[in-house]
Each structure stands twice: as C-alpha cells, then as structure tokens.
Amino acid sequence: MAARMDVLLGAQWGDEGKGKVVDVIAPDYEVIARFQGGPNAGHTLLFEGQKHVLHTIPSGVFRTGTVNLVGNGVVIDPIIFLKEVNALMAIGVDVRESLLVSRRAHLILPTHRALDAASEAEKGSSKISSTLKGIGPTYMDKTGRNGLRVGDLELPDFKGRFRSLVNKHERLLAMYDRPGAPKEAEEEWLAAVQTLRSMKLVDSEHYLDQALRSGKRVLAEGAQGTLLDIDFGTYPFVTSSNTISAGACTGLGVAPNRIEKVVGIFKAYCTRVGSGPFPTELEDADGEQIRKVGQEFGSTTGRPRRCGWLDLPALHYAVMINGITELAMMKSDVLSGMERIKVCTGYTVNGTATDRMPYDITGRIEPILEKVDGWGELHTNEALPDGLERYIALIERYVGVPITLVSLGPDRAQTVLRQGTLVH
C-alpha cells in the first residue's frame, strides 16, 4: 500500500529547533529528505553530550537504517559539503551508505559567494544581513536558467559549463568593481566536487515516487522558517527559496496529494537573526535573559539572535499558509523561572487593531501583549507544570492545532510527547 509523505518545517524566522525534532522522530521514517535552502541554514543536534551542526545533510543521518536525501530544491556548496561529510565520517557515521543527492540540485560556486558579498555591499544601509554563502546568486542563476547542477558533474563537458558560468560571474563582478574568486578557492572547489561526484546521485523524484509506492514513510525536512519564505515572508528580509510546505512539493518532486501531516516547529518565544521587522522584539533585560539562557547565537554565523515574546498572529499565519496539522514547541525551558511572561495576541497598525499579520510589518506596528503566568523548573520525567499547560492551551486555542511535542532542553532525551500523532 502506498504511503504518504509528512513535512516538517519552521513556523517562525528559522532557528526553531527542526534538527532536534527530526532526530527524535527519525526512527519512524525510512527516508528523510531536505527540500530547500543551503549551507546558510544550520540544524543543531545534541545527544550523548555531543553537539552536531548540519548545514546540507538531512538531520536523520545519525539514525542507523535511515536513508537521507538532499533534494533538488537544495543548493550545495561542494566545499562545505565535503567538510560536513568528513566530520561525520570522523565520528563513525558512514554517510556514503546512507546519503543520496539529487542530480537536479544546483551547485554554489566560489564566484556565487563573491557575488553575494558584492550585492550586499552595494545595498549599504539597506542590506538584508545575508550569510554571504552564495545562496541568493545561486538561486538567481537557477531561475535565470544559467545554473550548474549536480547531474552536470556526470557530463563530459562539465569543465566547459563550469568555466562558462565563472566567466559570466566575473563580468558581473567587474560591474561591481569587485575581484573574482581567488584561484585557490576555485582549485579547492574543483577538488571538492570529486567527493560529490562519488556520492550516490539519483533522480530524486523517481526515487521518492518508488519509495512511497512501496510503503516507505518519508519525512520532508525544511530549512529556515515560514516567515523567511521568498513569497510569504517578511520581504525583502527573506531567504531565496520557498520554505513553506508547498516548497516540499517543488523541492522534492512530490505531488501535493501525497502529503499527509505538516508539523510546524516553533519556540516558546521568538528569535530572528540579522535585519528585518520583528514586532515583539525585546531590547531590555528580558530579551537579554532569553538570549543568554537560550544560547541564542546563529549555528551558521555565530551572530547573536534578536529575541522577543511569542507572536501568535504570526504563528497562526504559519499554520494557515502551510496547512500545519500539529506543532512542536521548543525551548520552553528557557522561559522557566520567569514569574510573568508576555505573548502577542494582535497588532496595532497605524492606530487600528488587527489579529491578522499585515502585508508590510516594517511600518508603524505595535504588538498587543497579554501577560500570562510563568512556570517553574521543567523535568522530563515529571508532568508539565500547570503554568506551562495553560500557556500551551492558550496557543492551541489561538492557532487551532494541537501541540504534540514539547522540548525541555537541547538533548534528544529532553522531550515530552503529548496527546497527538507526531510519533506513530
């Protein structure tokens, strides 16, 4: 009997803890597939006292017997990919056996990174705080039909295709009055693609179709978060791909009617890295406490994250746009010990109250905040405190879907499964 695919994605501005949830529920799936983004995303996993950060490889790689697929919607930097593979192999993870890469995934060149830096510098004070990993320029080449794909590595004229794209980039960089990529970077890149070429390359749309037809359970893993989606996020302060559930269809080649559950991951509060609007941002002692206790620093960039109260209209928007069927709440332990916390239940936009996330939240917008009781210390083997249960109930009433997983800390063991269907 044919199976259906579940989707797991971020419901905020990224950094929600998707990697941990994928790792926790991975034993229930035969295939974990990344469907968009690139090395600008970092999925952090902590277990047995060790911290692991993945940038390209799906978060199920640490689970024996799980196939991990890098889908066509992902953009891959071969140098970063090689470092990730080597780090996993060094700790005994046989990634060559468990990892598949789509031939349709696009490649990030050193000159893409140079173009990223040039474009960001050109914006001046209007910069979007790019991670400078070359993601945007790579997706631009993809939509401009100039891109270089993983499958091109198998073609006899690959070197010519590579050189043609580099020459184009160098002409563009000359317009910015910026140098091209150093020769050493190009040599390192060409050496790194040899590792990528040696991996198991597949036509992922056919692979997943056959996997689902044979009854295998597939989990699509997103990167970044809903509010960074190129179409539905806080544009222009967004990423270059579709981070929402629809992106799982285009990023893997799976039809919409084959999706069953959509699991949204969110923090008990909000964070954001870099520039862009953030209605509930805290620039006071509460915000600093959340940042310090939650260790809110980017797993890819190391930049301190901006912190604020939970934004329910934005979370409701994410539930709507993704068709989220259940939620996983992360980092509830970070708010432990705070006597009173606040939650945003609406906005005042140019003097008018609304509970709907507006088209543009970069203008004059004030959050409508409701005070709620905090909760004490959290322990995995004990019932959740009454204060936390009331907080969960408030969120569930507002967004209309159940919270089926609550994370009480960074380790995979610090997880409570509630009344729901997250794990089969």
Protein backbone atom coordinates (compact mmCIF):
# COMPACT_ATOMS: atom_id res chain seq x y z
CA MET A 1 0.00 0.00 0.00
CA ALA A 2 1.35 3.41 -0.98
CA ALA A 3 2.49 5.65 1.88
CA ARG A 4 2.21 9.42 2.13
CA MET A 5 4.87 11.97 2.96
CA ASP A 6 4.97 14.09 6.12
CA VAL A 7 6.53 17.56 6.15
CA LEU A 8 8.44 19.18 8.99
CA LEU A 9 9.27 22.87 8.80
CA GLY A 10 9.92 26.03 10.79
CA ALA A 11 6.95 28.21 11.72
CA GLN A 12 8.91 31.36 12.63
CA TRP A 13 12.08 33.07 11.33
CA GLY A 14 14.21 29.93 11.42
CA ASP A 15 16.39 28.51 14.23
CA GLU A 16 13.33 26.87 15.78
CA GLY A 17 14.98 23.52 16.54
CA LYS A 18 13.99 21.49 13.49
CA GLY A 19 17.15 19.39 13.62
CA LYS A 20 16.37 18.08 17.10
CA VAL A 21 12.78 17.16 16.21
CA VAL A 22 13.85 15.36 13.03
CA ASP A 23 16.44 13.43 15.04
CA VAL A 24 13.85 12.49 17.68
CA ILE A 25 11.25 11.20 15.22
CA ALA A 26 13.64 9.85 12.54
CA PRO A 27 13.30 6.21 13.70
CA ASP A 28 9.69 6.33 12.50
CA TYR A 29 10.74 7.12 8.90
CA GLU A 30 12.74 5.23 6.32
CA VAL A 31 13.66 8.37 4.32
CA ILE A 32 14.49 11.92 5.49
CA ALA A 33 14.65 14.44 2.62
CA ARG A 34 15.82 18.07 2.66
CA PHE A 35 13.76 20.11 0.20
CA GLN A 36 15.21 23.65 0.06
CA GLY A 37 17.89 26.02 1.31
CA GLY A 38 21.61 25.52 1.53
CA PRO A 39 24.54 26.00 3.88
CA ASN A 40 23.05 29.26 5.14
CA ALA A 41 20.95 27.02 7.41
CA GLY A 42 22.33 25.15 10.40
CA HIS A 43 20.47 22.31 12.11
CA THR A 44 21.88 21.66 15.58
CA LEU A 45 21.54 18.28 17.30
CA LEU A 46 22.70 17.36 20.80
CA PHE A 47 22.85 13.83 22.15
CA GLU A 48 25.18 11.81 24.38
CA GLY A 49 26.85 15.07 25.38
CA GLN A 50 27.98 15.89 21.83
CA LYS A 51 26.83 18.83 19.69
CA HIS A 52 26.48 18.34 15.94
CA VAL A 53 25.64 21.05 13.38
CA LEU A 54 24.44 20.03 9.90
CA HIS A 55 24.25 22.50 7.02
CA THR A 56 23.34 20.43 3.96
CA ILE A 57 22.89 16.82 5.04
CA PRO A 58 19.46 15.89 6.50
CA SER A 59 19.16 15.52 10.27
CA GLY A 60 18.33 11.80 10.13
CA VAL A 61 21.93 10.93 9.28
CA PHE A 62 22.69 9.81 12.85
CA ARG A 63 19.93 7.17 12.82
CA THR A 64 21.01 3.74 11.55
CA GLY A 65 18.89 2.41 8.70
CA THR A 66 17.54 5.81 7.65
CA VAL A 67 18.12 7.00 4.07
CA ASN A 68 18.92 10.73 3.84
CA LEU A 69 18.20 12.58 0.61
CA VAL A 70 19.36 16.04 -0.46
CA GLY A 71 16.56 17.12 -2.79
CA ASN A 72 16.51 19.13 -6.00
CA GLY A 73 15.39 22.30 -4.20
CA VAL A 74 18.61 22.46 -2.19
CA VAL A 75 21.69 24.40 -3.30
CA ILE A 76 25.02 22.73 -2.45
CA ASP A 77 28.45 24.21 -1.81
CA PRO A 78 30.81 21.27 -2.53
CA ILE A 79 33.47 22.63 -0.16
CA ILE A 80 31.10 22.89 2.80
CA PHE A 81 29.54 19.56 1.83
CA LEU A 82 32.97 17.87 1.85
CA LYS A 83 33.78 19.26 5.31
CA GLU A 84 30.44 18.02 6.60
CA VAL A 85 30.98 14.54 5.13
CA ASN A 86 34.50 14.33 6.59
CA ALA A 87 33.30 15.44 10.04
CA LEU A 88 30.61 12.75 10.04
CA MET A 89 32.97 10.04 8.82
CA ALA A 90 35.44 11.02 11.57
CA ILE A 91 32.88 10.12 14.25
CA GLY A 92 31.93 6.85 12.59
CA VAL A 93 28.84 7.92 10.59
CA ASP A 94 29.06 6.10 7.25
CA VAL A 95 27.43 8.88 5.26
CA ARG A 96 28.35 7.35 1.90
CA GLU A 97 25.99 4.46 2.60
CA SER A 98 23.04 6.45 3.92
CA LEU A 99 23.12 9.61 1.77
CA LEU A 100 21.58 10.27 -1.66
CA VAL A 101 21.91 13.51 -3.63
CA SER A 102 19.51 14.71 -6.32
CA ARG A 103 21.03 15.30 -9.73
CA ARG A 104 18.75 18.35 -10.06
CA ALA A 105 20.20 20.18 -7.04
CA HIS A 106 22.15 23.30 -8.00
CA LEU A 107 25.80 23.97 -7.16
CA ILE A 108 27.19 27.02 -5.36
CA LEU A 109 30.41 28.25 -6.97
CA PRO A 110 33.10 30.40 -5.28
CA THR A 111 32.03 33.23 -7.59
CA HIS A 112 28.47 32.94 -6.26
CA ARG A 113 29.88 33.79 -2.83
CA ALA A 114 31.80 36.73 -4.30
CA LEU A 115 28.62 37.99 -5.98
CA ASP A 116 26.73 37.63 -2.70
CA ALA A 117 29.28 39.83 -0.91
CA ALA A 118 29.27 42.39 -3.74
CA SER A 119 25.49 42.62 -3.80
CA GLU A 120 25.26 43.01 -0.01
CA ALA A 121 27.94 45.73 -0.02
CA GLU A 122 26.09 47.58 -2.80
CA LYS A 123 22.93 47.76 -0.64
CA GLY A 124 24.73 49.77 2.04
CA SER A 125 22.41 50.58 4.94
CA SER A 126 19.60 48.62 3.22
CA LYS A 127 21.46 45.30 3.38
CA ILE A 128 19.44 42.23 4.36
CA SER A 129 22.19 40.65 6.52
CA SER A 130 22.94 37.83 4.10
CA THR A 131 25.03 34.94 5.42
CA LEU A 132 27.26 35.52 2.33
CA LYS A 133 27.19 31.82 1.46
CA GLY A 134 26.27 32.47 -2.17
CA ILE A 135 22.69 31.23 -1.76
CA GLY A 136 20.87 34.15 -3.43
CA PRO A 137 23.09 34.33 -6.54
CA THR A 138 22.83 30.54 -6.98
CA TYR A 139 19.03 30.64 -6.92
CA MET A 140 19.19 33.62 -9.33
CA ASP A 141 21.21 31.51 -11.77
CA LYS A 142 18.69 28.69 -11.28
CA THR A 143 15.71 30.86 -12.22
CA GLY A 144 17.79 32.59 -14.90
CA ARG A 145 18.48 29.17 -16.45
CA ASN A 146 22.23 29.56 -16.16
CA GLY A 147 22.84 27.27 -13.19
CA LEU A 148 25.19 24.36 -12.79
CA ARG A 149 23.57 21.21 -11.36
CA VAL A 150 24.89 18.14 -9.58
CA GLY A 151 23.96 15.98 -12.57
CA ASP A 152 26.26 18.08 -14.75
CA LEU A 153 29.18 16.52 -12.88
CA GLU A 154 28.49 13.32 -14.83
CA LEU A 155 28.63 15.05 -18.23
CA PRO A 156 31.79 15.11 -20.38
CA ASP A 157 31.58 18.89 -20.89
CA PHE A 158 31.26 19.73 -17.17
CA LYS A 159 34.51 21.74 -17.09
CA GLY A 160 33.30 23.85 -20.03
CA ARG A 161 29.96 24.53 -18.33
CA PHE A 162 31.79 25.49 -15.15
CA ARG A 163 34.14 27.86 -16.97
CA SER A 164 31.31 29.49 -18.90
CA LEU A 165 29.42 30.28 -15.68
CA VAL A 166 32.56 31.57 -13.92
CA ASN A 167 33.26 33.89 -16.87
CA LYS A 168 29.75 35.28 -16.65
CA HIS A 169 30.15 35.87 -12.93
CA GLU A 170 33.47 37.62 -13.42
CA ARG A 171 31.87 40.04 -15.89
CA LEU A 172 29.20 40.82 -13.30
CA LEU A 173 31.79 41.29 -10.57
CA ALA A 174 33.66 43.72 -12.81
CA MET A 175 30.47 45.82 -12.96
CA TYR A 176 30.53 45.92 -9.14
CA ASP A 177 34.25 46.79 -9.35
CA ARG A 178 34.95 43.71 -7.25
CA PRO A 179 37.52 40.93 -7.80
CA GLY A 180 36.53 37.39 -8.72
CA ALA A 181 37.11 34.37 -6.51
CA PRO A 182 40.78 33.61 -5.69
CA LYS A 183 42.40 30.87 -7.76
CA GLU A 184 42.93 28.84 -4.58
CA ALA A 185 39.17 28.86 -3.91
CA GLU A 186 38.47 27.59 -7.42
CA GLU A 187 41.03 24.80 -7.06
CA GLU A 188 39.58 23.80 -3.69
CA TRP A 189 36.07 23.77 -5.21
CA LEU A 190 37.10 21.61 -8.17
CA ALA A 191 38.76 19.14 -5.78
CA ALA A 192 35.65 19.08 -3.55
CA VAL A 193 33.29 18.24 -6.42
CA GLN A 194 35.13 14.95 -6.77
CA THR A 195 33.66 13.87 -3.42
CA LEU A 196 30.23 14.98 -4.52
CA ARG A 197 30.60 13.09 -7.80
CA SER A 198 31.48 9.92 -5.85
CA MET A 199 28.24 10.05 -3.81
CA LYS A 200 25.07 8.19 -4.77
CA LEU A 201 23.44 10.57 -7.25
CA VAL A 202 19.77 9.91 -8.00
CA ASP A 203 16.78 11.23 -9.90
CA SER A 204 15.11 12.03 -6.58
CA GLU A 205 11.58 12.49 -7.91
CA HIS A 206 11.62 8.91 -9.23
CA TYR A 207 13.33 7.59 -6.11
CA LEU A 208 10.70 9.14 -3.81
CA ASP A 209 7.82 8.01 -6.01
CA GLN A 210 9.04 4.43 -5.78
CA ALA A 211 9.71 4.72 -2.05
CA LEU A 212 6.16 5.94 -1.38
CA ARG A 213 4.63 3.31 -3.69
CA SER A 214 6.48 0.59 -1.78
CA GLY A 215 5.07 1.83 1.53
CA LYS A 216 8.14 3.60 2.91
CA ARG A 217 7.48 6.54 5.22
CA VAL A 218 9.14 9.77 4.04
CA LEU A 219 9.75 12.94 6.05
CA ALA A 220 10.48 16.16 4.18
CA GLU A 221 12.75 18.43 6.22
CA GLY A 222 12.72 22.19 5.62
CA ALA A 223 15.38 24.79 6.39
CA GLN A 224 14.97 28.36 7.71
CA GLY A 225 11.35 29.20 8.58
CA THR A 226 7.96 30.23 7.20
CA LEU A 227 8.49 33.96 7.81
CA LEU A 228 11.62 33.82 5.61
CA ASP A 229 9.74 32.40 2.61
CA ILE A 230 10.54 34.30 -0.61
CA ASP A 231 6.83 34.84 -1.36
CA PHE A 232 5.09 34.86 2.03
CA GLY A 233 7.80 36.01 4.43
CA THR A 234 8.76 39.49 5.61
CA TYR A 235 10.04 40.53 2.17
CA PRO A 236 12.69 41.69 1.30
CA PHE A 237 14.25 40.37 4.51
CA VAL A 238 13.77 36.75 3.44
CA THR A 239 15.70 33.83 2.00
CA SER A 240 15.79 32.88 -1.68
CA SER A 241 13.57 29.80 -1.67
CA ASN A 242 10.11 28.62 -0.66
CA THR A 243 10.40 27.49 2.96
CA ILE A 244 6.68 26.63 3.27
CA SER A 245 5.06 23.22 2.77
CA ALA A 246 4.43 23.92 -0.92
CA GLY A 247 8.22 24.05 -1.29
CA ALA A 248 8.38 20.38 -0.31
CA CYS A 249 6.46 19.54 -3.48
CA THR A 250 8.68 21.56 -5.82
CA GLY A 251 11.86 20.84 -3.85
CA LEU A 252 11.41 17.07 -3.99
CA GLY A 253 9.08 16.38 -6.92
CA VAL A 254 6.27 15.01 -4.77
CA ALA A 255 2.63 15.81 -5.62
CA PRO A 256 0.55 17.79 -3.05
CA ASN A 257 -2.00 15.00 -2.61
CA ARG A 258 0.77 12.73 -1.30
CA ILE A 259 1.37 14.92 1.77
CA GLU A 260 -0.27 13.71 4.98
CA LYS A 261 0.93 15.62 8.06
CA VAL A 262 2.60 19.01 8.23
CA VAL A 263 4.47 19.52 11.50
CA GLY A 264 5.35 23.11 12.43
CA ILE A 265 8.26 23.80 14.78
CA PHE A 266 8.27 26.95 16.93
CA LYS A 267 9.97 28.29 20.02
CA ALA A 268 8.08 29.29 23.17
CA TYR A 269 9.31 32.79 22.26
CA CYS A 270 10.60 34.35 19.01
CA THR A 271 14.07 34.96 17.62
CA ARG A 272 15.44 36.47 14.47
CA VAL A 273 18.98 36.76 13.04
CA GLY A 274 20.02 39.84 11.08
CA SER A 275 17.90 42.63 9.67
CA GLY A 276 14.16 42.80 9.18
CA PRO A 277 10.96 43.58 11.08
CA PHE A 278 10.32 41.93 14.44
CA PRO A 279 7.18 43.31 16.18
CA THR A 280 7.72 41.58 19.55
CA GLU A 281 11.46 42.20 19.84
CA LEU A 282 12.77 42.83 23.35
CA GLU A 283 15.66 45.24 23.76
CA ASP A 284 15.70 45.05 27.54
CA ALA A 285 16.73 42.77 30.39
CA ASP A 286 14.07 40.17 29.46
CA GLY A 287 15.44 39.94 25.92
CA GLU A 288 19.00 39.63 27.18
CA GLN A 289 17.98 36.92 29.66
CA ILE A 290 16.29 34.89 26.91
CA ARG A 291 19.36 35.26 24.68
CA LYS A 292 21.74 34.23 27.45
CA VAL A 293 19.74 31.30 28.83
CA GLY A 294 18.71 30.07 25.36
CA GLN A 295 22.23 30.43 23.93
CA GLU A 296 20.70 32.35 21.06
CA PHE A 297 23.57 32.64 18.63
CA GLY A 298 23.39 31.57 14.97
CA SER A 299 24.60 28.00 14.34
CA THR A 300 25.89 29.05 10.91
CA THR A 301 27.08 32.64 11.50
CA GLY A 302 27.54 32.81 15.28
CA ARG A 303 25.67 36.13 15.25
CA PRO A 304 23.60 36.93 18.37
CA ARG A 305 19.91 36.40 17.69
CA ARG A 306 17.34 39.08 18.39
CA CYS A 307 14.82 37.81 20.96
CA GLY A 308 11.20 38.62 21.72
CA TRP A 309 7.88 37.33 23.03
CA LEU A 310 5.87 34.71 21.16
CA ASP A 311 3.91 36.24 18.24
CA LEU A 312 0.59 34.38 17.93
CA PRO A 313 -0.74 36.18 14.81
CA ALA A 314 2.48 35.25 13.00
CA LEU A 315 2.22 31.65 14.25
CA HIS A 316 -1.42 31.46 13.15
CA TYR A 317 -0.33 32.77 9.73
CA ALA A 318 2.26 29.99 9.52
CA VAL A 319 -0.37 27.38 10.42
CA MET A 320 -2.65 28.73 7.69
CA ILE A 321 -0.12 29.09 4.88
CA ASN A 322 1.45 25.67 5.50
CA GLY A 323 -1.66 23.66 6.39
CA ILE A 324 0.08 22.72 9.65
CA THR A 325 -1.66 19.80 11.34
CA GLU A 326 0.35 19.77 14.58
CA LEU A 327 3.00 21.79 16.36
CA ALA A 328 6.19 21.09 18.29
CA MET A 329 7.16 23.72 20.87
CA MET A 330 10.87 24.13 21.55
CA LYS A 331 12.87 25.81 24.33
CA SER A 332 10.09 26.06 26.87
CA ASP A 333 12.85 25.57 29.46
CA VAL A 334 14.39 28.93 28.51
CA LEU A 335 11.39 30.77 29.99
CA SER A 336 11.50 28.70 33.21
CA GLY A 337 11.75 30.82 36.30
CA MET A 338 10.29 33.96 34.71
CA GLU A 339 7.43 34.96 37.01
CA ARG A 340 5.46 36.70 34.29
CA ILE A 341 5.84 36.44 30.54
CA LYS A 342 4.00 38.06 27.68
CA VAL A 343 2.52 36.86 24.41
CA CYS A 344 1.43 38.88 21.37
CA THR A 345 -2.25 38.36 20.50
CA GLY A 346 -2.59 41.08 17.85
CA TYR A 347 -1.15 44.28 16.43
CA THR A 348 -2.00 47.94 16.28
CA VAL A 349 -1.22 49.09 12.73
CA ASN A 350 -1.42 52.85 12.14
CA GLY A 351 -3.83 53.10 15.06
CA THR A 352 -6.08 50.19 14.02
CA ALA A 353 -6.15 46.88 15.94
CA THR A 354 -5.91 43.63 13.97
CA ASP A 355 -5.18 39.97 14.66
CA ARG A 356 -4.05 39.40 11.07
CA MET A 357 -0.43 39.58 10.00
CA PRO A 358 -0.34 42.53 7.56
CA TYR A 359 1.31 42.69 4.15
CA ASP A 360 4.00 45.01 5.45
CA ILE A 361 5.15 44.84 9.07
CA THR A 362 8.11 47.15 8.50
CA GLY A 363 5.98 50.24 9.15
CA ARG A 364 4.25 51.57 12.21
CA ILE A 365 3.16 48.45 14.06
CA GLU A 366 2.85 47.78 17.78
CA PRO A 367 2.24 44.36 19.34
CA ILE A 368 -0.78 43.85 21.58
CA LEU A 369 0.68 41.93 24.52
CA GLU A 370 -1.12 39.76 27.06
CA LYS A 371 0.52 38.89 30.37
CA VAL A 372 0.48 35.23 31.43
CA ASP A 373 1.88 33.36 34.41
CA GLY A 374 5.23 31.72 34.08
CA TRP A 375 6.20 28.24 35.27
CA GLY A 376 8.88 26.64 37.39
CA GLU A 377 11.67 24.25 36.55
CA LEU A 378 10.99 21.54 33.99
CA HIS A 379 11.85 17.85 34.33
CA THR A 380 11.48 15.28 31.56
CA ASN A 381 10.18 12.52 33.84
CA GLU A 382 7.52 14.66 35.51
CA ALA A 383 4.20 16.13 34.40
CA LEU A 384 4.42 19.56 32.79
CA PRO A 385 3.79 22.38 35.30
CA ASP A 386 0.30 23.91 35.36
CA GLY A 387 1.64 27.24 34.13
CA LEU A 388 3.16 25.63 31.04
CA GLU A 389 -0.01 23.62 30.38
CA ARG A 390 -2.03 26.87 30.47
CA TYR A 391 0.45 28.50 28.09
CA ILE A 392 0.13 25.56 25.71
CA ALA A 393 -3.68 25.69 25.91
CA LEU A 394 -3.63 29.43 25.09
CA ILE A 395 -1.55 28.79 21.96
CA GLU A 396 -3.69 25.84 20.85
CA ARG A 397 -6.91 27.89 21.17
CA TYR A 398 -5.41 30.73 19.14
CA VAL A 399 -3.93 28.72 16.25
CA GLY A 400 -6.43 25.84 16.20
CA VAL A 401 -3.99 22.89 16.06
CA PRO A 402 -2.51 20.71 18.82
CA ILE A 403 0.98 20.95 20.29
CA THR A 404 2.11 17.33 20.26
CA LEU A 405 5.75 17.70 21.33
CA VAL A 406 7.33 19.92 23.98
CA SER A 407 11.10 20.26 24.23
CA LEU A 408 12.51 20.77 27.72
CA GLY A 409 16.16 21.11 26.72
CA PRO A 410 18.62 20.62 23.86
CA ASP A 411 19.27 16.88 24.28
CA ARG A 412 17.11 14.40 22.35
CA ALA A 413 16.16 12.83 25.71
CA GLN A 414 14.69 16.11 26.99
CA THR A 415 11.49 15.72 25.01
CA VAL A 416 7.88 15.20 26.06
CA LEU A 417 5.36 13.73 23.62
CA ARG A 418 1.79 14.88 24.28
CA GLN A 419 -1.67 13.80 23.12
CA GLY A 420 -1.07 13.76 19.40
CA THR A 421 0.26 11.87 16.44
CA LEU A 422 3.75 13.23 15.93
CA VAL A 423 5.35 9.84 16.50
CA HIS A 424 3.47 6.85 15.08
